[in-house]
Protein backbone atom coordinates (compact mmCIF):
# COMPACT_ATOMS: atom_id res chain seq x y z
CA UNK A 1 -20.05 -5.34 13.95
CA UNK A 2 -22.51 -2.42 13.81
CA UNK A 3 -19.66 0.02 14.30
CA UNK A 4 -17.72 -1.58 11.44
CA UNK A 5 -20.75 -1.40 9.14
CA UNK A 6 -21.29 2.23 10.04
CA UNK A 7 -17.59 2.93 9.40
CA UNK A 8 -17.81 1.18 6.04
CA UNK A 9 -20.81 3.30 5.05
CA UNK A 10 -18.93 6.46 6.04
CA UNK A 11 -15.88 5.37 4.04
CA UNK A 12 -17.91 4.59 0.93
CA UNK A 13 -19.48 8.05 1.11
CA UNK A 14 -16.05 9.62 1.52
CA UNK A 15 -14.48 7.71 -1.34
CA UNK A 16 -17.37 8.61 -3.64
CA UNK A 17 -16.76 12.27 -2.88
CA UNK A 18 -12.96 12.34 -3.00
CA UNK A 19 -11.89 9.37 -5.17
CA UNK A 20 -8.83 9.79 -7.38
CA UNK A 21 -6.51 7.39 -9.22
CA UNK A 22 -2.86 7.64 -10.25
CA UNK A 23 -2.06 5.35 -13.20
CA UNK A 24 1.58 6.52 -13.48
CA UNK A 25 1.11 6.91 -17.24
CA UNK A 26 1.93 10.62 -17.45
CA UNK A 27 5.25 10.35 -15.60
CA UNK A 28 8.51 9.93 -17.55
CA UNK A 29 10.16 6.51 -17.38
CA UNK A 30 13.38 5.84 -15.50
CA UNK A 31 12.78 7.98 -12.40
CA UNK A 32 10.31 8.15 -9.51
CA UNK A 33 7.11 10.12 -10.20
CA UNK A 34 7.64 13.79 -9.42
CA UNK A 35 4.61 14.02 -7.13
CA UNK A 36 5.74 11.15 -4.90
CA UNK A 37 8.43 10.89 -2.21
CA UNK A 38 10.36 7.61 -1.95
CA UNK A 39 12.59 6.22 0.78
CA UNK A 40 13.16 3.32 3.16
CA UNK A 41 12.57 2.46 6.81
CA UNK A 42 15.52 0.73 8.42
CA UNK A 43 18.16 1.28 5.76
CA UNK A 44 19.00 -0.09 2.33
CA UNK A 45 19.05 1.01 -1.29
CA UNK A 46 15.54 0.95 -2.76
CA UNK A 47 15.02 1.87 -6.41
CA UNK A 48 11.62 3.29 -7.32
CA UNK A 49 11.14 4.04 -11.02
CA UNK A 50 8.43 4.47 -13.61
CA UNK A 51 8.74 1.61 -16.11
CA UNK A 52 6.86 0.46 -19.20
CA UNK A 53 4.95 -2.80 -18.65
CA UNK A 54 2.64 -4.18 -21.36
CA UNK A 55 0.86 -6.29 -18.75
CA UNK A 56 -0.15 -3.23 -16.70
CA UNK A 57 -3.84 -3.06 -15.79
CA UNK A 58 -3.80 0.47 -17.27
CA UNK A 59 -0.88 0.49 -19.73
CA UNK A 60 1.69 1.61 -20.55
CA UNK A 61 3.43 2.42 -17.24
CA UNK A 62 3.83 1.06 -13.71
CA UNK A 63 5.70 2.16 -10.59
CA UNK A 64 8.36 -0.46 -9.89
CA UNK A 65 10.58 -1.12 -6.89
CA UNK A 66 13.68 -3.06 -7.97
CA UNK A 67 16.27 -2.24 -5.29
CA UNK A 68 16.47 -3.61 -1.77
CA UNK A 69 16.03 -2.33 1.76
CA UNK A 70 14.44 -3.21 5.05
CA UNK A 71 11.09 -1.61 4.21
CA UNK A 72 11.07 0.55 1.05
CA UNK A 73 8.16 2.97 0.70
CA UNK A 74 6.91 5.59 -1.74
CA UNK A 75 4.18 8.07 -0.69
CA UNK A 76 2.13 10.60 -2.59
CA UNK A 77 3.02 14.23 -1.89
CA UNK A 78 0.46 16.76 -0.73
CA UNK A 79 -2.21 14.18 0.18
CA UNK A 80 -3.22 13.76 3.83
CA UNK A 81 -6.12 11.53 4.84
CA UNK A 82 -7.60 10.84 8.28
CA UNK A 83 -10.27 8.28 7.35
CA UNK A 84 -10.91 6.73 3.96
CA UNK A 85 -9.73 4.00 1.62
CA UNK A 86 -6.59 3.25 -0.38
CA UNK A 87 -6.28 0.65 -3.12
CA UNK A 88 -3.56 -0.48 -5.52
CA UNK A 89 -2.93 -3.17 -8.08
CA UNK A 90 0.41 -4.91 -7.60
CA UNK A 91 2.38 -7.72 -9.20
CA UNK A 92 5.13 -9.59 -7.25
CA UNK A 93 7.91 -10.18 -9.77
CA UNK A 94 10.93 -11.54 -7.89
CA UNK A 95 12.73 -11.80 -4.57
CA UNK A 96 14.46 -14.56 -2.63
CA UNK A 97 13.70 -13.14 0.84
CA UNK A 98 10.30 -11.63 0.11
CA UNK A 99 7.87 -10.93 -2.71
CA UNK A 100 5.67 -8.34 -1.05
CA UNK A 101 3.35 -5.58 -2.12
CA UNK A 102 1.84 -3.21 0.41
CA UNK A 103 -0.08 -0.03 1.16
CA UNK A 104 0.74 2.64 3.75
CA UNK A 105 -1.60 5.20 5.31
CA UNK A 106 -1.52 7.77 8.10
CA UNK A 107 2.15 8.08 7.12
CA UNK A 108 3.73 10.75 9.33
CA UNK A 109 7.32 10.11 8.25
CA UNK A 110 9.55 7.18 7.31
CA UNK A 111 9.36 5.77 10.82
CA UNK A 112 5.67 6.14 11.71
CA UNK A 113 2.76 4.76 9.65
CA UNK A 114 0.37 1.86 9.12
CA UNK A 115 1.05 -0.80 6.50
CA UNK A 116 -0.91 -3.71 5.06
CA UNK A 117 0.85 -6.13 2.76
CA UNK A 118 0.42 -9.32 0.79
CA UNK A 119 3.34 -11.73 0.33
CA UNK A 120 3.68 -14.21 -2.54
CA UNK A 121 6.41 -16.24 -0.81
CA UNK A 122 4.36 -16.72 2.35
CA UNK A 123 0.84 -16.70 0.87
CA UNK A 124 -0.56 -14.34 3.47
CA UNK A 125 -1.93 -10.88 4.16
CA UNK A 126 -0.77 -8.94 7.20
CA UNK A 127 -1.39 -5.70 9.02
CA UNK A 128 1.21 -3.69 10.96
CA UNK A 129 1.87 -0.36 12.55
CA UNK A 130 5.37 1.09 12.31
CA UNK A 131 6.32 3.31 15.24
CA UNK A 132 9.73 4.92 15.84
CA UNK A 133 11.07 2.83 12.94
CA UNK A 134 9.95 -0.51 14.40
CA UNK A 135 7.35 -2.64 12.63
CA UNK A 136 4.76 -4.20 14.96
CA UNK A 137 2.37 -6.96 13.94
CA UNK A 138 -1.36 -6.49 14.40
CA UNK A 139 -2.63 -9.54 12.49
CA UNK A 140 -1.61 -12.23 9.95
CA UNK A 141 -4.05 -14.20 7.78
CA UNK A 142 -3.30 -16.93 5.22
CA UNK A 143 -4.26 -15.92 1.67
CA UNK A 144 -3.32 -17.06 -1.85
CA UNK A 145 -0.93 -14.59 -3.51
CA UNK A 146 0.22 -15.93 -6.89
CA UNK A 147 3.63 -14.84 -8.14
CA UNK A 148 3.89 -12.97 -11.42
CA UNK A 149 0.20 -12.06 -11.44
CA UNK A 150 -1.67 -8.84 -10.78
CA UNK A 151 -3.57 -8.56 -7.50
CA UNK A 152 -5.67 -5.82 -5.90
CA UNK A 153 -4.93 -4.78 -2.32
CA UNK A 154 -7.34 -2.43 -0.55
CA UNK A 155 -7.49 -0.92 2.93
CA UNK A 156 -10.45 0.90 4.49
CA UNK A 157 -9.87 2.82 7.72
CA UNK A 158 -12.03 4.93 10.01
CA UNK A 159 -10.88 5.85 13.49
CA UNK A 160 -9.44 2.66 14.98
CA UNK A 161 -11.32 0.37 12.56
CA UNK A 162 -9.19 -1.17 9.78
CA UNK A 163 -10.32 -3.60 7.06
CA UNK A 164 -7.95 -5.21 4.54
CA UNK A 165 -9.06 -6.79 1.26
CA UNK A 166 -7.12 -8.84 -1.29
CA UNK A 167 -8.61 -9.41 -4.75
CA UNK A 168 -12.01 -8.31 -3.51
CA UNK A 169 -12.13 -10.64 -0.49
CA UNK A 170 -12.04 -9.30 3.07
CA UNK A 171 -9.22 -10.96 5.02
CA UNK A 172 -8.61 -8.74 8.04
CA UNK A 173 -10.88 -6.73 10.32
CA UNK A 174 -9.09 -5.16 13.26
CA UNK A 175 -9.04 -2.23 15.63
CA UNK A 176 -5.87 -0.35 16.47
CA UNK A 177 -5.31 3.15 17.79
CA UNK A 178 -1.54 3.53 17.71
CA UNK A 179 -1.48 6.05 14.85
CA UNK A 180 -4.22 8.67 14.60
CA UNK A 181 -4.88 11.86 12.69
CA UNK A 182 -4.11 12.62 9.08
CA UNK A 183 -1.19 11.21 7.16
CA UNK A 184 0.13 10.48 3.71
CA UNK A 185 -0.70 7.38 1.67
CA UNK A 186 1.45 5.25 -0.59
CA UNK A 187 2.95 1.86 -1.43
CA UNK A 188 5.47 -0.37 0.30
CA UNK A 189 7.68 -3.42 -0.19
CA UNK A 190 10.08 -5.45 1.91
CA UNK A 191 13.68 -6.69 1.61
CA UNK A 192 14.57 -7.75 -1.95
CA UNK A 193 11.02 -7.73 -3.29
CA UNK A 194 10.78 -6.64 -6.92
CA UNK A 195 7.22 -5.41 -7.23
CA UNK A 196 5.22 -3.46 -9.82
CA UNK A 197 2.31 -1.17 -8.85
CA UNK A 198 -0.47 0.37 -10.93
CA UNK A 199 -3.80 2.15 -10.51
CA UNK A 200 -3.19 3.66 -7.07
CA UNK A 201 -6.64 4.86 -5.93
CA UNK A 202 -7.66 6.75 -2.82
CA UNK A 203 -10.45 8.68 -1.22
CA UNK A 204 -11.12 10.12 2.19
CA UNK A 205 -10.98 13.20 4.33
């Protein structure tokens, strides 16, 4: 517990020094944001676009995934973080297989990264590492994830310590050392999830 508290203090200091937020409001609608790279792990046809959404926490725009694929992702270019925090607001809109919104960090490429996600069809929060294109479960926790509503997902990470929050409540504390070093950060969905994202915030080193 002491190590987790120390890690949290370090992360808060880092985020205070390096915090930044992307609201997607300066990007033109109908295409992915120019400073992000989008793709999919495991195949499929994801569709990441900037769209107008009057319900956005910071209107007018959101980043929306409306295609389908095994694990669609979109990561911010030219940002590499070792330890820090990543946060996003997301709204699950539709999906018969899944209605998921997630965060990725220490993203090396489309086959190697960490991901935390919340799922409105399953009402849970989960933590994974993806290695060589295979998603591996670290922990699942039941959590209320209302459909068609905005939620806040946050991950704090320092060394092997990982903490996942949904709507301000801590749901997962875990330790995992499969993916180390710096990596990109971004957002993630699953299967046929149609999900909107806004206010992508990050800080770290």
